[in-house]
Amino acid sequence: MAEIVIPAAVPMLLIERCRDPGMWYAGMVGELVQNLGMFPDGDWRSREPYGYINSVKAGDARPVVVTIHVAQ
């Protein structure tokens, strides 16, 4: 049977800077993290590498969409 490849769009955040060295993403500038929407205060919701949901300051990241190909 032939493999079927389906493109999927995944919302992510590109960490562009970190003005607070105490933030969980301080060492992740230039990397992509999961975009889970926004908190009411305007900061981004994301998931830390350890699995916890935490914030990313709105001025430190920008939303991007990554296309992946899922084989079925």
N, C-alpha and C. Protein backbone atom coordinates (compact mmCIF):
# COMPACT_ATOMS: atom_id res chain seq x y z
N MET A 1 0.84 -1.17 0.00
CA MET A 1 0.00 0.00 0.00
C MET A 1 0.89 1.24 0.00
N ALA A 2 0.51 2.24 -0.76
CA ALA A 2 1.29 3.47 -0.88
C ALA A 2 1.12 4.33 0.37
N GLU A 3 2.18 5.02 0.73
CA GLU A 3 2.14 5.93 1.86
C GLU A 3 1.47 7.23 1.43
N ILE A 4 0.56 7.74 2.25
CA ILE A 4 -0.12 9.00 1.97
C ILE A 4 0.49 10.05 2.88
N VAL A 5 0.93 11.16 2.29
CA VAL A 5 1.54 12.24 3.06
C VAL A 5 0.58 13.42 3.08
N ILE A 6 0.25 13.87 4.28
CA ILE A 6 -0.69 14.97 4.45
C ILE A 6 0.04 16.14 5.11
N PRO A 7 0.05 17.32 4.48
CA PRO A 7 0.68 18.47 5.14
C PRO A 7 -0.18 18.96 6.30
N ALA A 8 0.48 19.34 7.39
CA ALA A 8 -0.22 19.87 8.55
C ALA A 8 0.47 21.16 9.00
N ALA A 9 -0.32 22.16 9.35
CA ALA A 9 0.23 23.43 9.84
C ALA A 9 0.25 23.39 11.36
N VAL A 10 1.40 23.71 11.94
CA VAL A 10 1.58 23.67 13.38
C VAL A 10 1.93 25.08 13.88
N PRO A 11 1.09 25.66 14.76
CA PRO A 11 1.41 27.00 15.28
C PRO A 11 2.56 26.92 16.28
N MET A 12 3.56 27.77 16.08
CA MET A 12 4.74 27.79 16.94
C MET A 12 5.07 29.25 17.27
N LEU A 13 5.98 29.42 18.20
CA LEU A 13 6.53 30.74 18.52
C LEU A 13 8.02 30.70 18.24
N LEU A 14 8.52 31.72 17.57
CA LEU A 14 9.95 31.87 17.36
C LEU A 14 10.47 32.80 18.45
N ILE A 15 11.33 32.28 19.32
CA ILE A 15 11.91 33.09 20.38
C ILE A 15 12.97 33.98 19.74
N GLU A 16 12.72 35.29 19.73
CA GLU A 16 13.62 36.24 19.07
C GLU A 16 14.58 36.92 20.04
N ARG A 17 14.20 36.99 21.30
CA ARG A 17 15.04 37.63 22.32
C ARG A 17 14.51 37.20 23.68
N CYS A 18 15.27 37.49 24.71
CA CYS A 18 14.80 37.28 26.08
C CYS A 18 15.41 38.38 26.94
N ARG A 19 14.57 39.30 27.34
CA ARG A 19 15.04 40.45 28.11
C ARG A 19 15.23 40.13 29.59
N ASP A 20 14.68 39.01 30.04
CA ASP A 20 14.78 38.61 31.44
C ASP A 20 15.52 37.28 31.52
N PRO A 21 16.77 37.28 32.01
CA PRO A 21 17.54 36.03 32.04
C PRO A 21 16.96 34.96 32.96
N GLY A 22 15.97 35.32 33.76
CA GLY A 22 15.34 34.34 34.63
C GLY A 22 14.18 33.58 33.98
N MET A 23 13.81 33.95 32.77
CA MET A 23 12.70 33.27 32.09
C MET A 23 13.13 31.88 31.62
N TRP A 24 12.21 30.98 31.53
CA TRP A 24 12.51 29.59 31.19
C TRP A 24 13.10 29.45 29.80
N TYR A 25 12.84 30.38 28.91
CA TYR A 25 13.32 30.29 27.52
C TYR A 25 14.57 31.13 27.28
N ALA A 26 15.22 31.59 28.33
CA ALA A 26 16.39 32.48 28.19
C ALA A 26 17.48 31.88 27.31
N GLY A 27 17.68 30.60 27.37
CA GLY A 27 18.71 29.96 26.56
C GLY A 27 18.20 29.41 25.24
N MET A 28 17.00 29.84 24.83
CA MET A 28 16.37 29.27 23.63
C MET A 28 16.16 30.29 22.51
N VAL A 29 16.89 31.41 22.55
CA VAL A 29 16.74 32.43 21.50
C VAL A 29 17.09 31.80 20.14
N GLY A 30 16.21 32.02 19.16
CA GLY A 30 16.39 31.44 17.84
C GLY A 30 15.68 30.10 17.66
N GLU A 31 15.11 29.57 18.72
CA GLU A 31 14.44 28.27 18.66
C GLU A 31 12.92 28.44 18.58
N LEU A 32 12.25 27.37 18.17
CA LEU A 32 10.80 27.33 18.10
C LEU A 32 10.24 26.60 19.32
N VAL A 33 9.15 27.14 19.85
CA VAL A 33 8.43 26.49 20.94
C VAL A 33 6.95 26.45 20.58
N GLN A 34 6.22 25.60 21.25
CA GLN A 34 4.81 25.40 20.97
C GLN A 34 4.00 26.67 21.28
N ASN A 35 3.09 27.03 20.39
CA ASN A 35 2.20 28.17 20.57
C ASN A 35 0.84 27.64 21.02
N LEU A 36 0.46 27.98 22.25
CA LEU A 36 -0.82 27.54 22.80
C LEU A 36 -1.81 28.69 22.94
N GLY A 37 -1.55 29.79 22.22
CA GLY A 37 -2.44 30.94 22.29
C GLY A 37 -1.88 32.02 23.19
N MET A 38 -2.78 32.82 23.77
CA MET A 38 -2.35 33.93 24.61
C MET A 38 -3.03 33.87 25.97
N PHE A 39 -2.31 34.36 26.98
CA PHE A 39 -2.90 34.57 28.29
C PHE A 39 -3.69 35.88 28.25
N PRO A 40 -4.63 36.09 29.19
CA PRO A 40 -5.39 37.34 29.22
C PRO A 40 -4.52 38.60 29.33
N ASP A 41 -3.33 38.49 29.92
CA ASP A 41 -2.46 39.66 30.06
C ASP A 41 -1.71 40.01 28.77
N GLY A 42 -1.87 39.21 27.71
CA GLY A 42 -1.26 39.50 26.42
C GLY A 42 0.02 38.75 26.14
N ASP A 43 0.54 38.00 27.12
CA ASP A 43 1.72 37.18 26.87
C ASP A 43 1.31 35.87 26.20
N TRP A 44 2.26 35.25 25.50
CA TRP A 44 2.01 33.98 24.82
C TRP A 44 1.98 32.83 25.82
N ARG A 45 1.15 31.84 25.52
CA ARG A 45 1.14 30.57 26.27
C ARG A 45 1.99 29.59 25.49
N SER A 46 2.84 28.87 26.19
CA SER A 46 3.67 27.87 25.54
C SER A 46 3.93 26.73 26.51
N ARG A 47 4.61 25.72 26.01
CA ARG A 47 4.95 24.57 26.85
C ARG A 47 6.46 24.49 26.98
N GLU A 48 6.92 24.45 28.23
CA GLU A 48 8.35 24.31 28.51
C GLU A 48 8.83 22.92 28.09
N PRO A 49 10.14 22.73 27.93
CA PRO A 49 10.66 21.40 27.59
C PRO A 49 10.27 20.33 28.62
N TYR A 50 10.03 20.72 29.88
CA TYR A 50 9.63 19.75 30.91
C TYR A 50 8.14 19.46 30.91
N GLY A 51 7.39 20.12 30.00
CA GLY A 51 5.97 19.83 29.86
C GLY A 51 5.03 20.81 30.53
N TYR A 52 5.55 21.73 31.33
CA TYR A 52 4.70 22.70 32.01
C TYR A 52 4.26 23.80 31.05
N ILE A 53 3.02 24.28 31.23
CA ILE A 53 2.55 25.43 30.46
C ILE A 53 3.05 26.69 31.16
N ASN A 54 3.65 27.59 30.40
CA ASN A 54 4.22 28.80 30.96
C ASN A 54 4.11 29.92 29.94
N SER A 55 4.46 31.13 30.35
CA SER A 55 4.33 32.27 29.45
C SER A 55 5.64 32.64 28.77
N VAL A 56 5.47 33.24 27.60
CA VAL A 56 6.57 33.86 26.85
C VAL A 56 6.15 35.30 26.66
N LYS A 57 6.98 36.24 27.08
CA LYS A 57 6.63 37.66 26.96
C LYS A 57 6.34 38.00 25.49
N ALA A 58 5.27 38.75 25.28
CA ALA A 58 4.81 39.06 23.92
C ALA A 58 5.90 39.71 23.07
N GLY A 59 6.74 40.54 23.65
CA GLY A 59 7.79 41.21 22.90
C GLY A 59 9.01 40.35 22.63
N ASP A 60 9.05 39.15 23.21
CA ASP A 60 10.21 38.28 23.05
C ASP A 60 10.05 37.25 21.93
N ALA A 61 8.84 37.06 21.44
CA ALA A 61 8.60 36.02 20.43
C ALA A 61 7.58 36.49 19.41
N ARG A 62 7.57 35.81 18.28
CA ARG A 62 6.53 36.09 17.28
C ARG A 62 5.95 34.77 16.80
N PRO A 63 4.67 34.78 16.46
CA PRO A 63 4.04 33.54 15.98
C PRO A 63 4.48 33.19 14.56
N VAL A 64 4.69 31.93 14.33
CA VAL A 64 5.00 31.40 13.00
C VAL A 64 4.20 30.12 12.83
N VAL A 65 4.02 29.71 11.59
CA VAL A 65 3.35 28.45 11.29
C VAL A 65 4.35 27.56 10.58
N VAL A 66 4.54 26.38 11.11
CA VAL A 66 5.47 25.42 10.54
C VAL A 66 4.66 24.34 9.85
N THR A 67 5.01 24.03 8.63
CA THR A 67 4.33 22.96 7.90
C THR A 67 5.13 21.67 8.05
N ILE A 68 4.45 20.64 8.50
CA ILE A 68 5.08 19.32 8.58
C ILE A 68 4.30 18.37 7.69
N HIS A 69 4.92 17.31 7.30
CA HIS A 69 4.26 16.30 6.47
C HIS A 69 4.08 15.04 7.29
N VAL A 70 2.82 14.69 7.47
CA VAL A 70 2.45 13.54 8.28
C VAL A 70 2.13 12.37 7.37
N ALA A 71 2.86 11.28 7.54
CA ALA A 71 2.61 10.07 6.75
C ALA A 71 1.50 9.26 7.39
N GLN A 72 0.57 8.79 6.56
CA GLN A 72 -0.52 7.95 7.07
C GLN A 72 -0.59 6.67 6.28
